[in-house]
C-alpha atoms as a PDB file:
ATOM      1  CA  MET A   1      44.095  -9.186  46.369  1.00  0.00           C
ATOM      2  CA  ASP A   2      47.238  -9.067  44.537  1.00  0.00           C
ATOM      3  CA  GLN A   3      47.207 -13.018  45.200  1.00  0.00           C
ATOM      4  CA  PHE A   4      43.846 -13.721  44.323  1.00  0.00           C
ATOM      5  CA  LYS A   5      44.544 -11.947  41.034  1.00  0.00           C
ATOM      6  CA  THR A   6      47.697 -13.759  40.343  1.00  0.00           C
ATOM      7  CA  LEU A   7      45.881 -17.282  40.862  1.00  0.00           C
ATOM      8  CA  LEU A   8      43.539 -16.195  38.160  1.00  0.00           C
ATOM      9  CA  SER A   9      45.744 -14.651  35.898  1.00  0.00           C
ATOM     10  CA  VAL A  10      45.487 -14.818  31.944  1.00  0.00           C
ATOM     11  CA  LYS A  11      48.857 -16.367  31.799  1.00  0.00           C
ATOM     12  CA  LYS A  12      47.405 -19.510  33.524  1.00  0.00           C
ATOM     13  CA  MET A  13      44.252 -19.701  31.369  1.00  0.00           C
ATOM     14  CA  MET A  14      45.871 -18.655  27.921  1.00  0.00           C
ATOM     15  CA  SER A  15      46.868 -20.866  24.928  1.00  0.00           C
ATOM     16  CA  THR A  16      50.422 -20.842  23.887  1.00  0.00           C
ATOM     17  CA  ASN A  17      49.781 -22.748  20.455  1.00  0.00           C
ATOM     18  CA  ILE A  18      49.732 -19.216  18.281  1.00  0.00           C
ATOM     19  CA  PHE A  19      48.943 -19.999  14.739  1.00  0.00           C
ATOM     20  CA  THR A  20      49.390 -17.221  11.985  1.00  0.00           C
ATOM     21  CA  ALA A  21      48.841 -16.304   8.512  1.00  0.00           C
ATOM     22  CA  ASP A  22      49.689 -13.500   6.203  1.00  0.00           C
ATOM     23  CA  SER A  23      47.170 -11.136   5.387  1.00  0.00           C
ATOM     24  CA  ASN A  24      47.680 -11.559   1.852  1.00  0.00           C
ATOM     25  CA  VAL A  25      46.773 -15.603   1.601  1.00  0.00           C
ATOM     26  CA  SER A  26      43.415 -16.734   0.652  1.00  0.00           C
ATOM     27  CA  ILE A  27      40.616 -17.833   2.961  1.00  0.00           C
ATOM     28  CA  ILE A  28      41.260 -21.406   1.576  1.00  0.00           C
ATOM     29  CA  ASN A  29      45.096 -21.309   2.876  1.00  0.00           C
ATOM     30  CA  VAL A  30      43.607 -20.019   6.139  1.00  0.00           C
ATOM     31  CA  ALA A  31      41.426 -22.751   6.573  1.00  0.00           C
ATOM     32  CA  GLU A  32      43.871 -25.385   5.848  1.00  0.00           C
ATOM     33  CA  GLU A  33      46.113 -23.822   8.381  1.00  0.00           C
ATOM     34  CA  MET A  34      43.225 -24.096  11.056  1.00  0.00           C
ATOM     35  CA  SER A  35      42.458 -27.681  10.075  1.00  0.00           C
ATOM     36  CA  SER A  36      45.944 -28.811  10.071  1.00  0.00           C
ATOM     37  CA  ASN A  37      46.862 -27.203  13.580  1.00  0.00           C
ATOM     38  CA  LYS A  38      43.320 -28.334  14.796  1.00  0.00           C
ATOM     39  CA  THR A  39      42.325 -24.760  15.949  1.00  0.00           C
ATOM     40  CA  ASP A  40      39.577 -22.340  15.450  1.00  0.00           C
ATOM     41  CA  CYS A  41      41.463 -19.126  15.073  1.00  0.00           C
ATOM     42  CA  ILE A  42      44.243 -17.953  13.378  1.00  0.00           C
ATOM     43  CA  LEU A  43      45.978 -14.497  13.906  1.00  0.00           C
ATOM     44  CA  ILE A  44      46.721 -12.563  10.821  1.00  0.00           C
ATOM     45  CA  VAL A  45      49.850 -11.074  10.369  1.00  0.00           C
ATOM     46  CA  ASP A  46      51.384  -8.292   8.017  1.00  0.00           C
ATOM     47  CA  GLY A  47      55.137  -9.323   7.424  1.00  0.00           C
ATOM     48  CA  LYS A  48      56.314 -11.535  10.173  1.00  0.00           C
ATOM     49  CA  THR A  49      55.380 -10.269  13.478  1.00  0.00           C
ATOM     50  CA  ASP A  50      52.750  -7.703  13.364  1.00  0.00           C
ATOM     51  CA  VAL A  51      49.334  -9.122  14.521  1.00  0.00           C
ATOM     52  CA  VAL A  52      46.735  -7.110  12.310  1.00  0.00           C
ATOM     53  CA  GLY A  53      43.842  -9.276  12.722  1.00  0.00           C
ATOM     54  CA  VAL A  54      42.049 -12.721  13.608  1.00  0.00           C
ATOM     55  CA  ILE A  55      39.910 -15.043  11.606  1.00  0.00           C
ATOM     56  CA  THR A  56      37.913 -17.608  13.355  1.00  0.00           C
ATOM     57  CA  GLU A  57      35.913 -20.691  12.107  1.00  0.00           C
ATOM     58  CA  GLY A  58      32.917 -18.545  12.702  1.00  0.00           C
ATOM     59  CA  ASP A  59      34.018 -15.770  10.300  1.00  0.00           C
ATOM     60  CA  ILE A  60      34.519 -18.241   7.532  1.00  0.00           C
ATOM     61  CA  VAL A  61      30.939 -19.975   8.050  1.00  0.00           C
ATOM     62  CA  ARG A  62      28.963 -16.832   8.615  1.00  0.00           C
ATOM     63  CA  LYS A  63      30.678 -14.555   6.163  1.00  0.00           C
ATOM     64  CA  ILE A  64      31.740 -16.684   3.360  1.00  0.00           C
ATOM     65  CA  VAL A  65      30.157 -20.130   3.402  1.00  0.00           C
ATOM     66  CA  ALA A  66      26.690 -19.026   4.284  1.00  0.00           C
ATOM     67  CA  LYS A  67      26.628 -16.151   1.587  1.00  0.00           C
ATOM     68  CA  GLY A  68      27.769 -18.762  -0.734  1.00  0.00           C
ATOM     69  CA  LEU A  69      31.338 -16.773  -1.576  1.00  0.00           C
ATOM     70  CA  ASN A  70      34.210 -18.441  -2.887  1.00  0.00           C
ATOM     71  CA  PRO A  71      36.985 -18.324  -0.649  1.00  0.00           C
ATOM     72  CA  SER A  72      39.540 -18.739  -2.894  1.00  0.00           C
ATOM     73  CA  ASN A  73      38.805 -15.272  -4.232  1.00  0.00           C
ATOM     74  CA  ILE A  74      39.008 -13.579  -0.648  1.00  0.00           C
ATOM     75  CA  LEU A  75      42.159 -12.675   1.030  1.00  0.00           C
ATOM     76  CA  ALA A  76      42.666 -13.085   4.787  1.00  0.00           C
ATOM     77  CA  LYS A  77      43.145  -9.060   5.045  1.00  0.00           C
ATOM     78  CA  GLU A  78      39.665  -9.046   3.504  1.00  0.00           C
ATOM     79  CA  LEU A  79      37.823 -11.007   6.157  1.00  0.00           C
ATOM     80  CA  MET A  80      39.854 -10.669   9.481  1.00  0.00           C
ATOM     81  CA  SER A  81      38.475  -8.871  12.419  1.00  0.00           C
ATOM     82  CA  GLY A  82      40.844  -6.077  13.418  1.00  0.00           C
ATOM     83  CA  PRO A  83      42.516  -4.293  15.091  1.00  0.00           C
ATOM     84  CA  ILE A  84      43.286  -7.240  17.442  1.00  0.00           C
ATOM     85  CA  ILE A  85      42.932  -6.136  21.493  1.00  0.00           C
ATOM     86  CA  GLU A  86      45.801  -7.035  23.587  1.00  0.00           C
ATOM     87  CA  ILE A  87      46.125  -7.865  27.286  1.00  0.00           C
ATOM     88  CA  LYS A  88      49.158  -8.388  29.386  1.00  0.00           C
ATOM     89  CA  SER A  89      49.677 -11.747  30.858  1.00  0.00           C
ATOM     90  CA  ASP A  90      49.578 -10.997  34.454  1.00  0.00           C
ATOM     91  CA  GLU A  91      46.354  -9.520  34.210  1.00  0.00           C
ATOM     92  CA  SER A  92      43.192 -11.039  35.711  1.00  0.00           C
ATOM     93  CA  ILE A  93      40.912 -13.248  33.854  1.00  0.00           C
ATOM     94  CA  PHE A  94      38.166 -10.757  35.002  1.00  0.00           C
ATOM     95  CA  ASP A  95      39.918  -7.965  33.258  1.00  0.00           C
ATOM     96  CA  ALA A  96      40.152 -10.162  30.219  1.00  0.00           C
ATOM     97  CA  LYS A  97      36.258 -10.561  30.552  1.00  0.00           C
ATOM     98  CA  LYS A  98      35.592  -7.002  30.644  1.00  0.00           C
ATOM     99  CA  ILE A  99      37.854  -6.226  27.703  1.00  0.00           C
ATOM    100  CA  MET A 100      36.307  -8.520  25.516  1.00  0.00           C
ATOM    101  CA  GLY A 101      32.863  -6.882  26.603  1.00  0.00           C
ATOM    102  CA  GLN A 102      33.979  -3.673  26.078  1.00  0.00           C
ATOM    103  CA  HIS A 103      35.480  -4.227  22.626  1.00  0.00           C
ATOM    104  CA  ASN A 104      32.645  -6.887  21.617  1.00  0.00           C
ATOM    105  CA  VAL A 105      35.660  -9.568  20.690  1.00  0.00           C
ATOM    106  CA  HIS A 106      36.029 -13.105  21.663  1.00  0.00           C
ATOM    107  CA  HIS A 107      39.862 -13.276  21.328  1.00  0.00           C
ATOM    108  CA  LEU A 108      42.480 -11.374  22.834  1.00  0.00           C
ATOM    109  CA  ILE A 109      46.202 -11.714  22.080  1.00  0.00           C
ATOM    110  CA  VAL A 110      48.638 -12.007  25.347  1.00  0.00           C
ATOM    111  CA  LYS A 111      51.736 -10.055  25.842  1.00  0.00           C
ATOM    112  CA  GLU A 112      54.636  -9.994  28.164  1.00  0.00           C
ATOM    113  CA  ASP A 113      57.407  -7.587  28.176  1.00  0.00           C
ATOM    114  CA  GLY A 114      55.996  -6.312  24.845  1.00  0.00           C
ATOM    115  CA  LYS A 115      56.247  -9.920  23.306  1.00  0.00           C
ATOM    116  CA  LEU A 116      53.208 -12.013  21.889  1.00  0.00           C
ATOM    117  CA  VAL A 117      53.103 -14.940  24.151  1.00  0.00           C
ATOM    118  CA  GLY A 118      49.734 -16.520  23.986  1.00  0.00           C
ATOM    119  CA  ILE A 119      46.099 -16.157  23.092  1.00  0.00           C
ATOM    120  CA  ILE A 120      42.993 -16.192  25.236  1.00  0.00           C
ATOM    121  CA  ALA A 121      39.443 -16.737  24.124  1.00  0.00           C
ATOM    122  CA  ALA A 122      36.124 -16.112  25.845  1.00  0.00           C
ATOM    123  CA  ARG A 123      35.629 -20.139  26.081  1.00  0.00           C
ATOM    124  CA  ASP A 124      38.926 -20.277  28.177  1.00  0.00           C
ATOM    125  CA  LEU A 125      37.600 -17.974  30.553  1.00  0.00           C
ATOM    126  CA  VAL A 126      34.612 -20.579  31.552  1.00  0.00           C
ATOM    127  CA  LYS A 127      36.952 -23.533  31.942  1.00  0.00           C
END
């Protein structure tokens, strides 16, 4: 069974392209980072390395654009979802799906030996 789990590990499905923005930048800056990096998700950090939340394109559309709010006046820390949930890289994608369901989230940060090594999204689990 361990071999089956290894074949379907989070590490094999995660993205190692990790993009971050400081919690005190405006949503305009977050959107620019998303656009320039061609990503739909930015991890929000407090300082240099502490991941405190996540912002997705959907968050910006539903919580800012659809409500007619000015993204220049809203900081990342005001929009982000958090706390961010993590998973170990050697856990199975089935565990990832279960954790996402339990916490009603679509992204998990992936850690290996306590270090951030990737991110896995719900859409990665259906590839």
